[in-house]
Structure formats: structure tokens, C-alpha cells
C-alpha atoms as a PDB file:
ATOM      1  CA  MET A   1     110.323  67.690 113.924  1.00  0.00           C
ATOM      2  CA  LYS A   2     111.364  64.319 112.494  1.00  0.00           C
ATOM      3  CA  ILE A   3     115.077  63.526 112.378  1.00  0.00           C
ATOM      4  CA  GLN A   4     116.102  60.568 110.255  1.00  0.00           C
ATOM      5  CA  SER A   5     119.448  58.957 109.604  1.00  0.00           C
ATOM      6  CA  PRO A   6     120.433  58.860 105.939  1.00  0.00           C
ATOM      7  CA  ALA A   7     119.540  55.586 104.231  1.00  0.00           C
ATOM      8  CA  GLY A   8     122.083  52.839 104.667  1.00  0.00           C
ATOM      9  CA  GLU A   9     123.771  54.562 107.620  1.00  0.00           C
ATOM     10  CA  SER A  10     123.867  52.822 110.967  1.00  0.00           C
ATOM     11  CA  GLY A  11     121.914  54.776 113.546  1.00  0.00           C
ATOM     12  CA  SER A  12     123.724  56.514 116.375  1.00  0.00           C
ATOM     13  CA  GLY A  13     121.062  55.455 118.837  1.00  0.00           C
ATOM     14  CA  THR A  14     121.533  51.719 118.921  1.00  0.00           C
ATOM     15  CA  SER A  15     124.403  49.538 119.938  1.00  0.00           C
ATOM     16  CA  GLY A  16     125.521  46.548 117.945  1.00  0.00           C
ATOM     17  CA  ASN A  17     123.113  44.322 119.886  1.00  0.00           C
ATOM     18  CA  GLY A  18     120.045  46.405 118.990  1.00  0.00           C
ATOM     19  CA  HIS A  19     119.877  47.959 122.483  1.00  0.00           C
ATOM     20  CA  ARG A  20     118.522  51.524 122.422  1.00  0.00           C
ATOM     21  CA  ARG A  21     121.222  53.726 123.865  1.00  0.00           C
ATOM     22  CA  LYS A  22     120.072  55.336 127.137  1.00  0.00           C
ATOM     23  CA  ILE A  23     121.061  58.993 127.241  1.00  0.00           C
ATOM     24  CA  LEU A  24     120.533  61.578 129.960  1.00  0.00           C
ATOM     25  CA  VAL A  25     120.617  65.199 128.765  1.00  0.00           C
ATOM     26  CA  VAL A  26     121.236  67.837 131.435  1.00  0.00           C
ATOM     27  CA  ASP A  27     120.737  71.555 130.890  1.00  0.00           C
ATOM     28  CA  ASP A  28     119.226  74.215 133.136  1.00  0.00           C
ATOM     29  CA  GLN A  29     117.622  75.697 130.016  1.00  0.00           C
ATOM     30  CA  ARG A  30     114.636  73.381 129.680  1.00  0.00           C
ATOM     31  CA  VAL A  31     113.989  74.174 126.024  1.00  0.00           C
ATOM     32  CA  ILE A  32     117.517  73.051 125.103  1.00  0.00           C
ATOM     33  CA  ALA A  33     117.356  69.848 127.150  1.00  0.00           C
ATOM     34  CA  ASP A  34     113.876  68.989 125.870  1.00  0.00           C
ATOM     35  CA  THR A  35     114.821  69.707 122.246  1.00  0.00           C
ATOM     36  CA  LEU A  36     117.907  67.473 122.446  1.00  0.00           C
ATOM     37  CA  VAL A  37     115.811  64.713 124.025  1.00  0.00           C
ATOM     38  CA  ALA A  38     113.291  64.945 121.171  1.00  0.00           C
ATOM     39  CA  ILE A  39     116.077  64.778 118.570  1.00  0.00           C
ATOM     40  CA  LEU A  40     117.739  61.817 120.269  1.00  0.00           C
ATOM     41  CA  ASN A  41     114.480  59.908 120.748  1.00  0.00           C
ATOM     42  CA  ALA A  42     113.650  60.421 117.070  1.00  0.00           C
ATOM     43  CA  SER A  43     117.054  58.887 116.289  1.00  0.00           C
ATOM     44  CA  ALA A  44     116.465  55.532 118.003  1.00  0.00           C
ATOM     45  CA  CYS A  45     117.868  56.565 121.394  1.00  0.00           C
ATOM     46  CA  SER A  46     116.093  56.405 124.715  1.00  0.00           C
ATOM     47  CA  ALA A  47     116.741  59.907 126.040  1.00  0.00           C
ATOM     48  CA  THR A  48     115.459  61.744 129.103  1.00  0.00           C
ATOM     49  CA  ALA A  49     116.144  65.203 130.510  1.00  0.00           C
ATOM     50  CA  ALA A  50     117.243  66.600 133.842  1.00  0.00           C
ATOM     51  CA  TYR A  51     117.450  70.314 134.537  1.00  0.00           C
ATOM     52  CA  SER A  52     120.201  70.485 137.179  1.00  0.00           C
ATOM     53  CA  GLY A  53     123.270  68.577 138.239  1.00  0.00           C
ATOM     54  CA  GLU A  54     121.581  67.502 141.437  1.00  0.00           C
ATOM     55  CA  SER A  55     118.487  66.127 139.692  1.00  0.00           C
ATOM     56  CA  ALA A  56     120.756  64.390 137.175  1.00  0.00           C
ATOM     57  CA  LEU A  57     122.549  62.524 139.983  1.00  0.00           C
ATOM     58  CA  GLU A  58     119.186  61.359 141.343  1.00  0.00           C
ATOM     59  CA  ALA A  59     118.124  60.154 137.886  1.00  0.00           C
ATOM     60  CA  ILE A  60     121.433  58.359 137.326  1.00  0.00           C
ATOM     61  CA  ALA A  61     121.248  56.637 140.719  1.00  0.00           C
ATOM     62  CA  ALA A  62     117.840  55.260 139.712  1.00  0.00           C
ATOM     63  CA  ASP A  63     118.873  54.209 136.168  1.00  0.00           C
ATOM     64  CA  VAL A  64     122.454  54.587 134.916  1.00  0.00           C
ATOM     65  CA  PRO A  65     122.500  55.809 131.314  1.00  0.00           C
ATOM     66  CA  ASP A  66     124.955  54.711 128.651  1.00  0.00           C
ATOM     67  CA  LEU A  67     125.763  58.360 127.985  1.00  0.00           C
ATOM     68  CA  LEU A  68     125.494  61.648 129.869  1.00  0.00           C
ATOM     69  CA  ILE A  69     125.318  64.843 127.800  1.00  0.00           C
ATOM     70  CA  THR A  70     125.530  67.856 130.069  1.00  0.00           C
ATOM     71  CA  ASP A  71     125.788  71.597 129.791  1.00  0.00           C
ATOM     72  CA  VAL A  72     128.848  72.983 131.562  1.00  0.00           C
ATOM     73  CA  CYS A  73     127.560  76.306 132.907  1.00  0.00           C
ATOM     74  CA  MET A  74     124.621  75.666 135.224  1.00  0.00           C
ATOM     75  CA  PRO A  75     123.685  77.134 138.611  1.00  0.00           C
ATOM     76  CA  GLY A  76     124.557  74.973 141.592  1.00  0.00           C
ATOM     77  CA  MET A  77     126.566  71.975 140.458  1.00  0.00           C
ATOM     78  CA  ASN A  78     128.183  72.755 137.106  1.00  0.00           C
ATOM     79  CA  GLY A  79     128.468  70.191 134.332  1.00  0.00           C
ATOM     80  CA  VAL A  80     132.143  69.461 134.933  1.00  0.00           C
ATOM     81  CA  GLU A  81     131.477  68.707 138.623  1.00  0.00           C
ATOM     82  CA  LEU A  82     128.606  66.459 137.530  1.00  0.00           C
ATOM     83  CA  ALA A  83     130.787  64.725 134.927  1.00  0.00           C
ATOM     84  CA  VAL A  84     133.536  64.034 137.484  1.00  0.00           C
ATOM     85  CA  LYS A  85     131.047  62.591 140.002  1.00  0.00           C
ATOM     86  CA  VAL A  86     129.479  60.396 137.336  1.00  0.00           C
ATOM     87  CA  ARG A  87     132.880  59.149 136.114  1.00  0.00           C
ATOM     88  CA  GLU A  88     133.927  58.328 139.689  1.00  0.00           C
ATOM     89  CA  THR A  89     130.698  56.527 140.596  1.00  0.00           C
ATOM     90  CA  TYR A  90     129.612  55.065 137.240  1.00  0.00           C
ATOM     91  CA  PRO A  91     132.742  54.607 135.098  1.00  0.00           C
ATOM     92  CA  GLN A  92     130.750  52.713 132.453  1.00  0.00           C
ATOM     93  CA  CYS A  93     128.732  55.877 131.697  1.00  0.00           C
ATOM     94  CA  LYS A  94     130.258  57.909 128.859  1.00  0.00           C
ATOM     95  CA  VAL A  95     130.218  61.711 129.150  1.00  0.00           C
ATOM     96  CA  LEU A  96     129.902  64.551 126.629  1.00  0.00           C
ATOM     97  CA  LEU A  97     129.952  68.179 127.741  1.00  0.00           C
ATOM     98  CA  PHE A  98     128.507  71.080 125.795  1.00  0.00           C
ATOM     99  CA  SER A  99     128.516  74.808 126.335  1.00  0.00           C
ATOM    100  CA  GLY A 100     127.889  78.116 124.647  1.00  0.00           C
ATOM    101  CA  HIS A 101     130.102  79.976 127.131  1.00  0.00           C
ATOM    102  CA  SER A 102     133.797  80.642 126.654  1.00  0.00           C
ATOM    103  CA  SER A 103     134.231  80.343 130.432  1.00  0.00           C
ATOM    104  CA  ALA A 104     133.685  76.583 130.099  1.00  0.00           C
ATOM    105  CA  ALA A 105     137.231  76.127 128.794  1.00  0.00           C
ATOM    106  CA  HIS A 106     138.856  76.825 132.167  1.00  0.00           C
ATOM    107  CA  LEU A 107     136.558  74.303 133.882  1.00  0.00           C
ATOM    108  CA  ILE A 108     137.560  71.676 131.312  1.00  0.00           C
ATOM    109  CA  GLU A 109     141.249  72.484 131.889  1.00  0.00           C
ATOM    110  CA  GLU A 110     140.797  72.099 135.659  1.00  0.00           C
ATOM    111  CA  ALA A 111     139.246  68.673 135.086  1.00  0.00           C
ATOM    112  CA  ARG A 112     142.119  67.681 132.773  1.00  0.00           C
ATOM    113  CA  ALA A 113     144.629  68.725 135.434  1.00  0.00           C
ATOM    114  CA  LYS A 114     142.886  66.247 137.760  1.00  0.00           C
ATOM    115  CA  GLY A 115     143.143  63.457 135.176  1.00  0.00           C
ATOM    116  CA  TYR A 116     139.711  63.710 133.544  1.00  0.00           C
ATOM    117  CA  ASP A 117     139.457  64.109 129.783  1.00  0.00           C
ATOM    118  CA  PHE A 118     136.035  65.162 128.548  1.00  0.00           C
ATOM    119  CA  THR A 119     134.884  66.015 125.037  1.00  0.00           C
ATOM    120  CA  LEU A 120     133.426  69.530 124.798  1.00  0.00           C
ATOM    121  CA  LEU A 121     130.847  70.345 122.120  1.00  0.00           C
ATOM    122  CA  HIS A 122     130.022  73.970 121.399  1.00  0.00           C
ATOM    123  CA  LYS A 123     126.481  75.331 121.445  1.00  0.00           C
ATOM    124  CA  PRO A 124     124.617  75.733 119.303  1.00  0.00           C
ATOM    125  CA  ILE A 125     125.184  72.322 117.756  1.00  0.00           C
ATOM    126  CA  HIS A 126     123.345  71.161 114.661  1.00  0.00           C
ATOM    127  CA  PRO A 127     121.396  67.922 115.271  1.00  0.00           C
ATOM    128  CA  ARG A 128     123.297  66.208 112.450  1.00  0.00           C
ATOM    129  CA  ASP A 129     126.624  67.100 114.097  1.00  0.00           C
ATOM    130  CA  LEU A 130     125.419  65.862 117.487  1.00  0.00           C
ATOM    131  CA  LEU A 131     124.280  62.544 116.026  1.00  0.00           C
ATOM    132  CA  GLU A 132     127.586  62.198 114.172  1.00  0.00           C
ATOM    133  CA  CYS A 133     129.494  62.842 117.399  1.00  0.00           C
ATOM    134  CA  LEU A 134     127.488  60.141 119.185  1.00  0.00           C
ATOM    135  CA  LYS A 135     128.827  57.580 116.726  1.00  0.00           C
ATOM    136  CA  THR A 136     132.365  58.258 117.927  1.00  0.00           C
ATOM    137  CA  VAL A 137     131.570  57.994 121.645  1.00  0.00           C
ATOM    138  CA  SER A 138     132.307  54.402 122.541  1.00  0.00           C
END
């Protein structure tokens, strides 16, 4: 699958200095994580996947991404716990959460009560909508 930005539109994958945006996608459903990575890489990003919160923390410790996109509902460490740890340790890393479960809302509210404000995208998300959202994450 080839994803292209419309002609004349600035790509969501590069910063103003031409740097390919490093993105870590985390989802325990490998097909979802791998598909998002393929879409992002085809859109001038440098994306990799992790399949658990714990493996994501290991990957981030080795190479801090510009952006973390993580599923909320995962076994073990959930995406909100991961997002909080990443914000505390690597404040320069931006965070987007996504979920197809309605139960994610209460986890987001708990994080907000602790002073964390995360953007939540709903699954399924169309690749065009994801790429558009990336443009607004500064």
C-alpha cells in the first residue's frame, strides 16, 4: 500500500529542518502496530513498532522518538501508564493515545486528574486522518 500526501501539501513526517520524524507505535495487536508503521514510513516518517508497554520503554531508552503513538488497552502496562512514564522521563517526546475501547475514557480522565493531558484518537482511524492529526502535534 502506498500512501502519498496530496501535491503541494507539506508532509506530516518531516520537521521544518528536513529531519524525518521518529515515531514509535505501540499496540499489542501486531497487525495494527505494523500497519501504522508501514503507513507512517510511506509518509516520510521513521516509524518502528513495539508490542507492549515494557518493550516500548526499552526501545525509548535506546532511542527517544519525537512522538509516541500508543494503544490504551494493552495487557501489562496500559498505554496511559506508558504515556505518563514517557512524559516524566522524556518530556520532549510527544504522545498520542488511541483506542477502540470505551473503557479507555476513564483511564484518560485519571491521567487528567493527575495533571496529564493526552490526545485520544479512536480506532479504527483512517490513515488520512492519522496523518492530518500528526500535523497538529507539535
